[in-house]
Protein backbone atom coordinates (compact mmCIF):
# COMPACT_ATOMS: atom_id res chain seq x y z
CA MET A 1 0.02 0.00 -0.01
CA ARG A 2 1.68 3.22 -1.19
CA MET A 3 1.64 5.87 1.53
CA GLU A 4 0.65 9.43 0.60
CA ASN A 5 3.55 11.80 1.41
CA TYR A 6 2.80 15.22 2.91
CA ILE A 7 6.23 16.02 4.27
CA LYS A 8 6.85 18.92 1.90
CA GLU A 9 3.61 20.58 2.97
CA LYS A 10 5.06 20.86 6.51
CA LYS A 11 1.66 20.48 8.12
CA ILE A 12 3.46 18.73 10.93
CA THR A 13 7.06 18.93 12.16
CA ALA A 14 8.51 16.42 14.59
CA THR A 15 11.75 16.94 16.56
CA VAL A 16 13.59 14.37 18.65
CA LYS A 17 14.36 16.15 21.91
CA GLU A 18 15.85 13.32 23.95
CA VAL A 19 17.35 9.84 23.40
CA ARG A 20 17.89 7.35 26.27
CA TRP A 21 18.19 3.64 26.81
CA GLU A 22 16.63 1.16 29.25
CA ARG A 23 18.44 -2.14 28.64
CA ILE A 24 17.20 -3.16 25.13
CA PHE A 25 14.57 -0.46 24.94
CA LEU A 26 15.20 2.71 22.96
CA HIS A 27 13.26 5.67 24.32
CA LEU A 28 12.70 8.89 22.38
CA ASP A 29 10.95 12.08 23.33
CA VAL A 30 9.51 13.69 20.17
CA LYS A 31 8.02 17.17 20.07
CA VAL A 32 5.25 17.48 17.47
CA GLU A 33 4.21 20.92 16.21
CA TYR A 34 1.30 21.73 13.90
CA ALA A 35 1.10 24.51 11.26
CA ASP A 36 -2.68 24.48 11.78
CA PRO A 37 -4.29 23.46 15.11
CA GLU A 38 -6.90 21.58 13.07
CA GLU A 39 -4.16 19.10 12.14
CA LYS A 40 -4.22 17.79 15.72
CA LYS A 41 -7.21 15.67 14.84
CA GLY A 42 -6.52 11.93 14.55
CA GLU A 43 -3.95 9.58 16.04
CA LEU A 44 -0.30 9.63 15.06
CA CYS A 45 1.92 6.62 14.45
CA PHE A 46 5.72 6.58 14.48
CA TYR A 47 7.38 4.07 12.14
CA ALA A 48 11.03 3.05 11.86
CA VAL A 49 11.59 2.98 8.09
CA ASP A 50 14.65 1.34 6.46
CA GLN A 51 16.71 2.21 3.40
CA LEU A 52 14.27 0.41 1.11
CA TYR A 53 11.36 2.34 2.64
CA HIS A 54 9.84 -0.63 4.41
CA SER A 55 9.01 -0.61 8.12
CA PRO A 56 10.11 -3.53 10.33
CA ALA A 57 8.81 -1.83 13.50
CA MET A 58 6.46 0.77 14.92
CA PHE A 59 7.37 2.72 18.05
CA LYS A 60 5.01 2.29 21.01
CA ILE A 61 3.62 5.51 22.42
CA THR A 62 3.98 5.25 26.18
CA GLY A 63 2.60 8.73 26.94
CA ALA A 64 2.19 12.28 25.63
CA GLU A 65 1.86 15.71 27.15
CA ASP A 66 2.19 19.22 25.67
CA ASP A 67 2.55 17.57 22.24
CA VAL A 68 5.69 15.71 23.36
CA TYR A 69 5.34 12.01 22.56
CA HIS A 70 7.22 9.43 24.60
CA LEU A 71 8.23 6.59 22.28
CA LYS A 72 9.58 3.15 23.09
CA LEU A 73 11.15 0.51 20.80
CA ASN A 74 12.55 -2.91 21.72
CA VAL A 75 15.44 -3.27 19.31
CA THR A 76 15.46 -7.05 19.81
CA ASN A 77 11.79 -7.37 18.82
CA GLY A 78 10.02 -4.90 16.56
CA GLY A 79 6.80 -6.92 16.81
CA GLU A 80 7.64 -10.14 14.98
CA ASN A 81 10.09 -11.68 17.46
CA VAL A 82 13.26 -10.79 15.56
CA CYS A 83 15.85 -8.06 15.94
CA LEU A 84 15.50 -5.03 13.74
CA PRO A 85 17.48 -5.85 10.57
CA SER A 86 20.74 -4.17 9.67
CA SER A 87 19.95 -0.92 7.84
CA GLU A 88 19.87 2.82 8.18
CA TYR A 89 16.58 4.10 9.64
CA ARG A 90 14.52 7.25 9.67
CA ILE A 91 11.34 7.84 11.71
CA PHE A 92 8.21 8.77 9.79
CA VAL A 93 5.27 10.33 11.64
CA CYS A 94 2.05 9.09 10.02
CA ARG A 95 -1.67 9.61 10.35
CA ASP A 96 -3.87 6.93 8.85
CA ASP A 97 -1.96 5.99 5.66
CA CYS A 98 -0.30 9.39 5.15
CA ILE A 99 3.30 10.36 5.94
CA MET A 100 3.08 13.69 7.76
CA ALA A 101 6.71 14.27 8.90
CA ASP A 102 10.25 12.93 8.90
CA CYS A 103 11.69 13.31 12.39
CA GLU A 104 14.30 16.03 12.83
CA THR A 105 16.95 16.33 15.52
CA ASP A 106 16.94 19.04 18.18
CA ALA A 107 20.06 21.14 17.76
CA ALA A 108 20.70 20.82 21.49
CA ILE A 109 21.43 17.06 21.19
CA VAL A 110 23.30 16.96 17.87
CA GLY A 111 26.67 17.05 19.63
CA GLU A 112 25.59 14.17 21.87
CA MET A 113 24.58 11.76 19.10
CA ASP A 114 27.68 9.53 19.45
CA ASN A 115 27.00 9.14 23.18
CA PHE A 116 23.59 7.56 22.49
CA SER A 117 25.11 4.59 20.58
CA ARG A 118 24.99 1.08 21.93
CA VAL A 119 26.80 -2.16 21.06
CA TYR A 120 25.38 -5.47 22.31
CA LEU A 121 27.99 -8.22 22.19
CA PHE A 122 26.99 -11.91 22.08
CA SER A 123 28.38 -15.35 21.05
CA GLU A 124 31.25 -14.99 23.53
CA HIS A 125 31.83 -11.43 22.31
CA THR A 126 32.61 -12.55 18.76
CA LYS A 127 29.47 -10.97 17.32
CA GLY A 128 27.72 -7.72 17.96
CA TYR A 129 24.54 -5.74 17.37
CA ALA A 130 25.34 -2.07 17.06
CA VAL A 131 22.90 0.85 17.17
CA SER A 132 24.34 4.27 16.30
CA PHE A 133 22.77 7.70 15.76
CA TYR A 134 23.60 10.53 13.43
CA VAL A 135 22.21 13.54 11.55
CA GLU A 136 21.84 13.22 7.81
CA GLU A 137 24.35 15.50 6.12
CA GLU A 138 24.10 17.96 3.21
CA THR A 139 20.55 19.02 4.10
CA GLU A 140 19.11 22.33 5.24
CA THR A 141 17.57 20.72 8.31
CA LEU A 142 18.77 18.08 10.80
CA PRO A 143 17.11 14.79 9.81
CA PHE A 144 17.22 12.22 12.65
CA ARG A 145 18.74 8.89 11.60
CA PHE A 146 19.93 5.73 13.31
CA CYS A 147 21.85 2.80 11.93
CA ILE A 148 21.68 -0.84 13.01
CA LEU A 149 24.45 -3.29 12.10
CA GLY A 150 24.68 -6.97 12.93
CA ALA A 151 28.43 -7.57 12.94
CA GLU A 152 30.90 -10.43 13.35
CA GLU A 153 34.52 -10.55 14.38
CA CYS A 154 36.66 -9.50 11.40
CA GLU A 155 40.30 -9.43 10.36
CA LEU A 156 42.23 -6.48 11.80
CA LYS A 157 45.32 -7.07 9.68
CA PHE A 158 46.14 -8.42 6.21
CA PRO A 159 45.29 -12.17 6.28
CA GLU A 160 48.03 -14.69 5.73
CA LYS A 161 47.51 -17.48 3.23
CA LEU A 162 46.98 -20.83 4.96
CA GLY A 163 47.92 -24.23 3.62
CA LEU A 164 45.22 -26.93 3.40
CA TRP A 165 46.40 -28.74 6.54
CA GLU A 166 46.51 -25.52 8.56
CA ALA A 167 43.02 -24.60 7.34
CA LEU A 168 41.69 -27.97 8.41
CA CYS A 169 43.35 -27.67 11.82
CA LEU A 170 41.69 -24.28 12.34
CA GLY A 171 38.36 -25.59 11.18
CA GLU A 172 38.17 -23.07 8.33
CA SER A 173 37.11 -25.60 5.69
CA LEU A 174 34.68 -27.59 7.79
CA LYS A 175 33.25 -24.85 9.99
CA ASP A 176 30.05 -24.41 8.01
CA SER A 177 30.16 -27.48 5.84
CA TRP A 178 27.43 -30.02 5.42
CA PHE A 179 29.46 -32.44 7.49
CA SER A 180 29.37 -30.32 10.63
CA LYS A 181 27.52 -31.78 13.60
CA ARG A 182 24.83 -29.16 13.53
CA ASN A 183 24.08 -29.66 9.85
CA VAL A 184 23.93 -33.42 10.29
CA ILE A 185 21.37 -32.91 13.06
CA ARG A 186 19.36 -30.47 10.95
CA THR A 187 19.31 -32.94 8.09
CA MET A 188 18.27 -35.73 10.43
CA TYR A 189 15.45 -33.57 11.85
CA SER A 190 14.19 -32.70 8.36
CA PHE A 191 14.18 -36.36 7.43
CA PHE A 192 12.23 -37.42 10.50
CA CYS A 193 9.78 -34.51 10.05
CA LYS A 194 8.74 -36.02 6.71
CA ILE A 195 8.35 -39.49 8.19
CA TYR A 196 6.29 -38.34 11.19
CA ALA A 197 4.27 -35.55 9.55
CA SER A 198 0.95 -37.37 10.14
CA LYS A 199 1.68 -38.00 13.86
CA ARG A 200 2.55 -34.45 14.91
CA LYS A 201 -1.01 -33.23 15.35
CA ASN A 202 -1.66 -35.57 18.33
CA THR A 203 1.81 -35.78 19.85
CA ILE A 204 2.96 -33.76 22.87
CA LEU A 205 6.56 -33.64 24.10
CA LEU A 206 7.61 -32.53 27.58
CA MET A 207 11.27 -31.52 27.30
CA SER A 208 14.12 -30.39 29.52
CA GLU A 209 17.72 -29.85 28.47
CA GLN A 210 18.70 -28.67 31.97
CA ASN A 211 17.80 -31.72 34.11
CA ASP A 212 17.77 -35.46 33.65
CA THR A 213 14.27 -35.69 35.13
CA ILE A 214 11.03 -33.90 34.36
CA ARG A 215 10.49 -31.33 37.14
CA TYR A 216 8.63 -28.18 38.18
CA ASN A 217 5.93 -26.94 35.80
CA LEU A 218 6.59 -29.73 33.29
CA LYS A 219 5.92 -32.38 35.90
CA ALA A 220 2.78 -30.67 37.14
CA VAL A 221 1.36 -30.47 33.58
CA ALA A 222 2.39 -34.06 32.79
CA ASP A 223 0.74 -35.36 35.95
CA ARG A 224 -2.43 -33.45 35.24
CA MET A 225 -2.61 -34.70 31.66
CA ARG A 226 -2.47 -38.29 32.89
CA GLU A 227 -5.10 -37.56 35.57
CA ARG A 228 -7.39 -36.25 32.82
CA GLY A 229 -6.79 -39.36 30.73
CA MET A 230 -5.16 -37.39 27.94
CA ASP A 231 -2.64 -40.20 27.35
CA LYS A 232 -5.48 -42.04 25.63
CA GLU A 233 -6.12 -39.10 23.29
CA PHE A 234 -2.53 -37.94 22.69
CA ARG A 235 0.86 -39.54 22.36
CA ILE A 236 2.79 -38.05 25.26
CA LEU A 237 6.59 -38.18 24.96
CA TYR A 238 9.28 -37.19 27.44
CA SER A 239 12.89 -36.02 26.99
CA ALA A 240 15.03 -35.05 29.95
CA ARG A 241 18.78 -34.50 29.50
CA SER A 242 21.45 -32.52 31.37
CA ALA A 243 22.65 -31.29 28.00
CA ALA A 244 23.36 -27.78 29.30
CA SER A 245 26.24 -29.06 31.41
CA GLU A 246 27.10 -32.55 30.13
CA SER A 247 28.03 -33.87 26.66
CA GLN A 248 25.50 -36.23 25.14
CA SER A 249 25.95 -39.48 23.24
CA LEU A 250 24.97 -40.08 19.60
CA LYS A 251 22.12 -42.27 20.84
CA SER A 252 20.83 -39.44 23.05
CA TRP A 253 20.91 -36.99 20.12
CA PHE A 254 19.18 -39.47 17.84
CA GLY A 255 16.39 -40.03 20.38
CA LEU A 256 15.85 -36.29 20.94
CA ILE A 257 15.66 -35.42 17.26
CA ARG A 258 13.12 -38.17 16.61
CA LYS A 259 10.94 -36.91 19.44
CA LEU A 260 11.18 -33.28 18.28
CA ALA A 261 10.17 -34.30 14.75
CA GLN A 262 7.13 -36.21 16.00
CA SER A 263 5.79 -33.46 18.23
CA GLY A 264 3.06 -30.93 17.37
CA ILE A 265 3.31 -29.33 20.84
CA ILE A 266 6.53 -29.09 22.86
CA PHE A 267 6.44 -27.97 26.47
CA LEU A 268 9.86 -26.73 27.56
CA ASP A 269 11.11 -25.67 31.00
CA ASP A 270 14.07 -23.30 30.76
CA HIS A 271 16.43 -22.78 27.83
CA ALA A 272 17.37 -25.47 25.30
CA VAL A 273 20.66 -24.78 23.54
CA VAL A 274 19.87 -27.14 20.66
CA LEU A 275 16.99 -24.90 19.65
CA ASN A 276 19.33 -21.94 19.27
CA TRP A 277 20.31 -23.36 15.92
CA LEU A 278 17.72 -26.05 15.08
CA LYS A 279 14.61 -24.42 13.65
CA LEU A 280 11.44 -26.33 14.40
CA SER A 281 8.79 -27.24 11.85
CA LYS A 282 6.17 -24.53 11.24
CA ASP A 283 3.42 -26.85 12.45
CA THR A 284 5.09 -27.36 15.83
CA LYS A 285 4.22 -25.12 18.79
CA LEU A 286 6.98 -24.51 21.30
CA ILE A 287 5.64 -23.39 24.71
CA GLN A 288 7.92 -22.14 27.48
CA LEU A 289 6.84 -23.22 31.00
CA TRP A 290 9.71 -21.52 32.77
CA HIS A 291 9.69 -22.41 36.48
CA ALA A 292 10.59 -18.92 37.75
CA GLY A 293 7.57 -16.97 38.99
CA ALA A 294 9.06 -13.47 38.94
CA GLY A 295 12.25 -12.30 40.64
CA PHE A 296 14.44 -9.31 39.93
CA LYS A 297 17.45 -10.61 38.08
CA SER A 298 17.65 -10.16 34.35
CA SER A 299 18.19 -13.04 31.96
CA GLY A 300 17.82 -13.69 28.24
CA TYR A 301 17.42 -10.54 26.17
CA SER A 302 16.95 -8.33 29.25
CA ARG A 303 20.72 -8.71 29.84
CA TRP A 304 21.74 -8.68 26.18
CA GLY A 305 25.31 -7.65 25.69
CA HIS A 306 26.53 -9.39 28.85
CA LYS A 307 28.51 -12.59 28.75
CA GLY A 308 26.25 -15.64 28.61
CA GLY A 309 23.42 -13.71 26.97
CA PRO A 310 21.58 -15.12 23.92
CA GLY A 311 22.39 -14.61 20.28
CA ALA A 312 20.29 -12.47 17.97
CA ALA A 313 18.53 -15.67 16.89
CA SER A 314 17.97 -18.16 19.74
CA CYS A 315 15.70 -20.78 21.22
CA HIS A 316 13.56 -18.02 22.76
CA ARG A 317 12.58 -16.70 19.32
CA GLN A 318 10.75 -19.96 18.57
CA TYR A 319 8.25 -19.74 21.43
CA SER A 320 4.64 -19.63 20.38
CA PHE A 321 3.71 -18.84 23.97
CA GLY A 322 5.08 -18.57 27.46
CA ILE A 323 3.31 -18.37 30.81
CA ALA A 324 3.28 -15.99 33.78
CA GLY A 325 1.36 -15.38 36.99
CA SER A 326 -0.46 -12.24 35.81
CA LYS A 327 -0.85 -9.83 32.90
CA ASN A 328 1.03 -7.22 34.95
CA ILE A 329 4.26 -9.22 34.90
CA ALA A 330 3.99 -10.56 31.34
CA PRO A 331 6.36 -7.80 30.05
CA PHE A 332 9.13 -9.08 32.35
CA PHE A 333 8.99 -12.44 30.60
CA SER A 334 8.48 -11.14 27.07
CA GLU A 335 11.55 -8.97 27.46
CA VAL A 336 13.59 -11.97 28.55
CA TRP A 337 12.40 -14.13 25.65
CA GLY A 338 12.30 -11.47 22.94
CA ILE A 339 8.67 -12.12 22.11
CA ASN A 340 5.55 -9.95 22.31
CA ASP A 341 3.82 -9.22 25.61
CA GLU A 342 0.60 -10.76 24.31
CA GLN A 343 2.32 -14.14 23.84
CA VAL A 344 2.87 -14.46 27.58
CA LEU A 345 -0.34 -15.96 28.95
CA PRO A 346 -1.35 -15.39 32.61
CA THR A 347 -2.16 -19.01 33.39
CA GLY A 348 -0.29 -19.07 36.69
CA MET A 349 2.44 -21.55 37.56
CA PRO A 350 1.38 -25.22 37.28
CA ARG A 351 3.85 -26.30 39.95
CA MET A 352 1.85 -24.22 42.44
CA ASP A 353 -1.26 -26.35 42.08
CA GLU A 354 0.15 -28.90 44.49
CA PHE A 355 1.66 -26.15 46.64
CA LEU A 356 -1.80 -24.58 47.21
CA ASP A 357 -3.50 -27.90 47.94
CA GLU A 358 -4.43 -27.95 51.64
CA ASP A 359 -4.20 -31.71 52.04
CA TYR A 360 -0.75 -31.76 50.50
CA ARG A 361 0.27 -28.90 52.79
CA LYS A 362 -0.80 -30.80 55.94
CA LYS A 363 0.97 -33.95 54.82
CA LYS A 364 4.27 -32.16 53.98
CA THR A 365 4.21 -30.07 57.16
CA LYS A 366 4.16 -33.20 59.31
CA GLU A 367 6.88 -34.85 57.21
CA LEU A 368 9.14 -31.80 57.50
CA TYR A 369 8.84 -31.51 61.28
CA ASP A 370 9.71 -35.19 61.52
CA LYS A 371 12.68 -34.77 59.16
CA TYR A 372 14.00 -31.60 60.81
CA PRO A 373 13.23 -31.92 64.54
CA ILE A 374 15.15 -28.73 65.44
CA CYS A 375 12.14 -26.85 63.94
CA LYS A 376 9.62 -28.29 66.40
CA GLY A 377 8.41 -25.70 68.84
CA LYS A 378 10.39 -22.96 67.11
CA LYS A 379 9.83 -20.30 64.51
CA VAL A 380 11.79 -21.03 61.34
CA MET A 381 13.99 -18.73 59.29
CA LEU A 382 14.71 -20.04 55.78
CA PHE A 383 17.92 -18.64 54.35
CA ALA A 384 17.58 -19.23 50.61
CA PRO A 385 19.63 -16.93 48.34
CA THR A 386 20.44 -17.44 44.67
CA TYR A 387 23.87 -18.41 43.44
CA ARG A 388 26.78 -16.23 42.31
CA GLY A 389 28.93 -17.00 39.27
CA ARG A 390 28.30 -17.26 35.53
CA GLY A 391 26.43 -20.57 35.44
CA LYS A 392 26.02 -24.09 36.73
CA LYS A 393 29.70 -25.03 36.54
CA GLU A 394 30.89 -21.91 38.40
CA ALA A 395 28.01 -21.43 40.86
CA TYR A 396 28.95 -20.53 44.46
CA TYR A 397 27.84 -18.50 47.47
CA PRO A 398 30.29 -16.34 49.53
CA TYR A 399 29.63 -17.78 52.99
CA LYS A 400 32.11 -15.36 54.51
CA ARG A 401 29.30 -12.77 54.16
CA ILE A 402 27.28 -14.62 56.81
CA ASP A 403 27.95 -13.86 60.49
CA PHE A 404 26.99 -17.34 61.75
CA GLN A 405 27.76 -16.50 65.36
CA GLY A 406 25.77 -13.26 65.25
CA LEU A 407 22.80 -15.04 63.64
CA TYR A 408 22.99 -17.87 66.19
CA GLU A 409 22.83 -15.41 69.08
CA ALA A 410 20.03 -13.38 67.45
CA CYS A 411 17.90 -16.55 67.17
CA GLY A 412 17.78 -16.94 70.96
CA ASP A 413 15.26 -19.60 72.00
CA GLU A 414 12.71 -18.43 69.40
CA TYR A 415 14.18 -19.33 65.99
CA ALA A 416 15.81 -22.20 64.12
CA VAL A 417 17.49 -21.59 60.72
CA LEU A 418 17.27 -23.77 57.62
CA PHE A 419 19.92 -23.03 54.92
CA LYS A 420 18.60 -23.86 51.46
CA MET A 421 21.22 -22.98 48.86
CA HIS A 422 20.68 -22.92 45.12
CA PRO A 423 20.89 -26.52 43.72
CA TRP A 424 23.79 -25.51 41.50
CA ILE A 425 26.00 -24.75 44.51
CA LYS A 426 28.20 -27.71 45.36
CA GLY A 427 29.32 -28.65 48.86
CA LYS A 428 27.70 -28.23 52.23
CA VAL A 429 26.98 -25.01 54.13
CA PRO A 430 29.93 -24.56 56.60
CA ILE A 431 27.94 -24.87 59.83
CA GLU A 432 30.10 -25.43 62.89
CA ASP A 433 29.10 -28.11 65.35
CA ALA A 434 28.44 -25.50 68.05
CA TYR A 435 25.55 -24.10 65.95
CA LYS A 436 23.89 -27.30 64.85
CA ASP A 437 21.22 -27.22 67.55
CA LYS A 438 19.69 -24.23 65.70
CA PHE A 439 21.17 -24.40 62.18
CA THR A 440 20.82 -27.14 59.57
CA ASP A 441 21.58 -27.46 55.85
CA VAL A 442 18.53 -28.53 53.83
CA THR A 443 20.00 -27.89 50.38
CA GLY A 444 19.49 -31.58 49.56
CA TYR A 445 15.75 -31.21 49.97
CA LEU A 446 14.55 -30.92 46.39
CA ASN A 447 11.30 -28.93 46.59
CA ILE A 448 11.82 -25.55 48.23
CA ASN A 449 8.07 -24.83 48.11
CA ASP A 450 7.48 -27.54 50.70
CA LEU A 451 9.83 -25.80 53.12
CA PHE A 452 7.69 -22.66 52.94
CA TYR A 453 4.95 -24.39 54.94
CA ILE A 454 7.07 -24.40 58.10
CA THR A 455 8.89 -21.13 57.35
CA ASP A 456 8.04 -18.03 59.37
CA LEU A 457 10.63 -15.72 57.83
CA LEU A 458 12.33 -15.98 54.42
CA VAL A 459 15.74 -14.43 53.91
CA THR A 460 16.78 -14.21 50.29
CA ASP A 461 18.31 -11.76 47.82
CA TYR A 462 17.42 -11.74 44.10
CA SER A 463 15.77 -15.12 43.88
CA SER A 464 12.36 -15.77 42.35
CA ASN A 465 11.42 -17.95 45.36
CA ILE A 466 9.62 -14.87 46.73
CA PHE A 467 6.87 -15.52 44.16
CA GLU A 468 5.57 -18.70 45.86
CA PHE A 469 6.47 -17.65 49.39
CA SER A 470 4.44 -14.46 49.13
CA LEU A 471 1.25 -16.56 49.13
CA MET A 472 2.15 -17.77 52.62
CA ARG A 473 1.59 -14.11 53.64
CA LYS A 474 4.61 -14.17 55.91
CA PRO A 475 7.51 -11.68 56.17
CA MET A 476 10.69 -11.56 54.10
CA LEU A 477 14.11 -9.91 54.45
CA PHE A 478 16.49 -9.26 51.55
CA PHE A 479 20.26 -9.53 52.02
CA ALA A 480 21.67 -7.60 49.05
CA PHE A 481 25.31 -7.06 50.00
CA ASP A 482 26.43 -7.06 46.36
CA LYS A 483 23.53 -5.24 44.71
CA THR A 484 25.74 -2.90 42.72
CA GLN A 485 27.94 -5.69 41.34
CA TYR A 486 24.98 -7.96 40.74
CA ALA A 487 23.08 -5.21 38.91
CA PHE A 488 26.04 -4.75 36.59
CA SER A 489 26.76 -8.41 35.86
CA ARG A 490 23.23 -9.78 35.83
CA GLY A 491 21.10 -6.67 35.73
CA PHE A 492 17.58 -6.00 37.09
CA HIS A 493 14.50 -5.69 34.95
CA ARG A 494 12.82 -3.48 37.55
CA ASP A 495 13.78 -1.31 40.49
CA TYR A 496 15.00 -3.61 43.27
CA GLU A 497 14.20 -1.53 46.36
CA THR A 498 10.62 -0.63 45.38
CA SER A 499 9.79 -4.16 44.10
CA ALA A 500 11.16 -6.24 46.97
CA PRO A 501 8.27 -7.37 49.19
CA GLY A 502 10.22 -6.76 52.42
CA LYS A 503 13.06 -4.79 53.96
CA VAL A 504 16.29 -4.64 51.92
CA CYS A 505 19.54 -4.92 53.94
CA TYR A 506 23.01 -4.27 52.56
CA THR A 507 25.16 -5.63 55.39
CA PHE A 508 24.66 -8.63 57.63
CA GLU A 509 24.57 -6.37 60.64
CA GLU A 510 21.64 -4.52 59.06
CA LEU A 511 19.97 -7.88 58.49
CA LEU A 512 20.47 -8.92 62.10
CA GLU A 513 19.12 -5.58 63.36
CA ALA A 514 15.98 -5.91 61.20
CA PHE A 515 15.59 -9.52 62.42
CA ARG A 516 15.94 -8.61 66.12
CA SER A 517 13.55 -5.66 65.87
CA LYS A 518 11.13 -7.49 63.52
CA ASP A 519 11.43 -4.64 61.02
CA PHE A 520 10.29 -6.56 57.96
CA GLU A 521 8.25 -3.90 56.09
CA TYR A 522 5.56 -6.55 55.87
CA GLU A 523 3.00 -4.22 54.22
CA LYS A 524 4.80 -4.81 50.90
CA VAL A 525 3.76 -8.45 50.76
CA GLU A 526 0.07 -7.85 50.04
CA GLN A 527 0.97 -5.27 47.39
CA TYR A 528 3.24 -7.85 45.76
CA ILE A 529 0.50 -10.50 45.71
CA THR A 530 -2.07 -8.19 44.14
CA TYR A 531 0.31 -7.24 41.36
CA HIS A 532 1.75 -10.70 40.57
CA PHE A 533 -1.26 -13.05 40.71
CA ASP A 534 -4.34 -13.07 38.48
CA TYR A 535 -5.37 -16.44 39.96
CA ILE A 536 -4.71 -17.92 43.39
CA ASP A 537 -5.99 -21.48 43.02
CA SER A 538 -4.92 -25.02 42.08
CA ASN A 539 -6.02 -24.85 38.44
CA ALA A 540 -2.93 -23.48 36.63
CA SER A 541 -2.15 -26.86 35.03
CA ASP A 542 -5.70 -27.07 33.70
CA ARG A 543 -5.43 -23.58 32.26
CA VAL A 544 -2.19 -24.48 30.49
CA ILE A 545 -3.80 -27.60 29.06
CA ASP A 546 -7.11 -25.99 28.11
CA TRP A 547 -5.62 -22.80 26.64
CA LEU A 548 -2.60 -24.29 24.88
CA VAL A 549 -3.40 -27.92 24.07
CA TYR A 550 -7.12 -27.55 23.35
CA ASP A 551 -6.78 -23.97 22.04
CA ARG A 552 -9.35 -22.46 24.38
CA ILE A 553 -7.53 -19.19 25.04
CA PRO A 554 -9.96 -16.70 26.66
CA LYS A 555 -11.64 -14.33 24.20
CA ASP A 556 -10.07 -11.11 25.59
CA ILE A 557 -6.54 -12.58 25.32
CA ARG A 558 -7.18 -14.02 21.84
CA ALA A 559 -8.46 -10.63 20.74
CA GLU A 560 -5.15 -9.02 21.80
CA LEU A 561 -3.18 -11.70 19.90
CA GLU A 562 -5.27 -11.12 16.81
CA ARG A 563 -4.80 -7.34 17.12
CA VAL A 564 -1.03 -7.73 17.11
CA GLU A 565 -1.22 -10.01 14.07
CA ARG A 566 -3.37 -7.42 12.24
CA GLU A 567 -0.97 -4.59 13.15
CA ASN A 568 2.03 -6.53 11.93
CA ALA A 569 0.28 -7.52 8.68
CA HIS A 570 -0.78 -3.92 8.08
CA ARG A 571 2.71 -2.59 8.72
CA ARG A 572 4.23 -5.11 6.31
CA GLU A 573 1.89 -3.83 3.59
CA LEU A 574 2.88 -0.18 4.01
CA ASP A 575 5.13 1.24 1.29
CA PHE A 576 6.92 4.47 2.27
CA LEU A 577 8.75 4.76 -1.09
CA PRO A 578 8.71 8.37 -2.44
CA GLU A 579 6.83 8.96 -5.62
CA GLY A 580 9.01 8.75 -8.73
CA TYR A 581 11.40 6.18 -7.24
CA LYS A 582 11.72 2.40 -7.41
CA ARG A 583 13.68 -0.28 -5.58
CA ASP A 584 16.65 -1.99 -7.10
CA LEU A 585 16.63 -5.07 -4.91
CA GLU A 586 19.77 -6.50 -6.44
CA LEU A 587 21.70 -3.38 -5.50
CA ARG A 588 19.62 -2.94 -2.31
CA CYS A 589 19.06 0.73 -3.09
CA ILE A 590 16.47 3.27 -4.28
CA VAL A 591 16.81 4.81 -7.75
CA LYS A 592 14.72 7.23 -9.85
CA GLU A 593 12.23 5.52 -12.10
CA GLY A 594 13.34 5.34 -15.75
CA LYS A 595 17.04 5.29 -14.79
């Protein structure tokens, strides 16, 4: 659809007054001025338009006052779950299907344009995604432009000629050949897809590449499907491998690829590295049932540019849907996964169905008091922080930060303390014998949610375990001794102090003082619950099954999904090409017609 161009009429002028970043979100403040006040009628849209005058993204308007529009763009997802492509971009201000203005640059920020640039490194810092800003030259005005470049590591000196043997040793000849492991697996997957095409419609796979057993949300959904007799209606397959930390045999790879090719629906818990480079069949739905409810720490694309972050194309891009506890927190997850907010469905966490069951609670409470007798007749503090380090192999916790003696004395005759460290942390908590009448290490106990039943006070830091514990409506303390360092290395996707449902302490002495005086800032707990939970019941597994297996997504949510599809389809149809020009796709440029 060719857009009518009214830029020369100057009915509207638009000037970028401010540029700022929030992780992967580009924010612009644009002042819009009208030659005639009558021109204020109608809504405005702001499109990022590339060199070929197509638009891969539309800016979201997050607010407007005094004709200053606040715009927001996720550079990792312009609306279709891909990064904005490499190109030079302008911003067209449009009304209906008319181009009203090309954004200009405020003279006050021209000298700061270089400072607005960002480079996001990934693939162990061998690749990058660069966003830079500039003013178009040789014009009478100051046209606002930005450039995006997907880049790879390049030669910084004249290359030396390699012999055949040297090339083979360096992997130059075989790096991207058909014989590479990844291409063999891709070919195998394509072959099996053809064989099992007729079976995919009624086959469901529950998959983990992080653990060698099916756990958390996957297990809850699997158990509920069997309870509902769905194993008679569907072929239900399972694949659980510790592929994230352990090498896998040829037999293991062969089995996984066969199962992937057979499956029409794949439920996944956490990241699967294989799906970073193996693209699933179009008739397969990949659904992320991530076990984390909602913490603070950034992951995925919310910490893009940090070591260990995803590539521009990754497993996350293939999700048809993910799940969350409420619509309010859906944007936290969509940012992490690089998908649209509307694709994150507020089903609640399936693993909490059992947690909220009263009979189960009574049973586990009795078992826990029998297992940990030091808790009988005492209030219980659960010390349960997340790990430090870059991943599973390097995970640790700095126990020197804990004043064991001070905590022991502060407990008096009232409290016992259970230490539940992250499962990736190896070794036991260093509890001296003198403290074992009040302290015990329960890291080996698999399900932390069970421990919440007998816990009176949770002490944590940046962990998502606060999500489940909040429903116990009991106090929490946050020991954030390394908040500054953690914010830099892992990042937060929201303000830590205002979001924590309890008092934040930065030294252990502060923690002990808050503990002694019972200064927990408990009023934050109810606020947290209201914001994070759309449902508080034992039906999350059923919602996942009904919405995503039987395609019974509620009408209001489906309407939002369809709206996004329509907006994307409409944007793809828009043609911003100036009159009298045509595209030369071979040269990737715009030329005058007739030339």
